[in-house]
Amino acid sequence: MAGEPLMVGRAEGPLGPLVAGVDDGGVWFLEFGGGGRSDAHLEALGRRLDRPLVRRRHPLLDRLRGELEEYFDGRRRVFEVPVRLEGTPFQLRVWHELTKIPYGEVRSYLQIARGLGDPQAVRAVGGANGSNPISIVVPCHRVIGADGSIVGYGGGLERKRWLLAHERGERPLF
């Protein structure tokens, strides 16, 4: 692999384990993971990023864990840990729009497409939203269907429902 290594670590939360990869510049990925599939998945992810993944402590992993703990405890609404988003120009635009959705609010795929100036790009927005590499911190869970339905989430719809209820101040069950 060509690039510098990414340090990989786990964080525990009420929705199960999260796996993150960081370097000195920021968080590259954060996703729900665990169990036997995670090692093979991480190997594939490292190949896709063209960077070796190394299980090692890193100050940004510690910072991310702390911010996630505060988020899950209801003490954090905005993440401050730096992120490193790598994608197509369109994906980057969509992911930037996601970061503008305030805590506790939702937007539809159509609203995101309109915010990008292209209301015809709803499906493309859905695809970019689904490929967001940094779950929770880049809040793709705040995007819903035009009819208000809870749709599409790589971490599973139950987790999406939990995150939305949590941000509304409800006591979600999982």
Foldseek 3Di string as FASTA:
>chain_A
DPDEEWAWDWAQDPLGIWIWTHDPQFTEFIGHDDDDVVVVVVVVVCVVVVHHYHHDDDVLVVLVNVQVVCVRVVNDFADDTDYDYDDDPVLVLLLVLLNVAGQLAAEELQRSCVVVVHSVCSVVSLVSLAPDRYDPNSDSLRYDHPVRHRDDDPRDSLVSVQRNCVSNVHDDDD
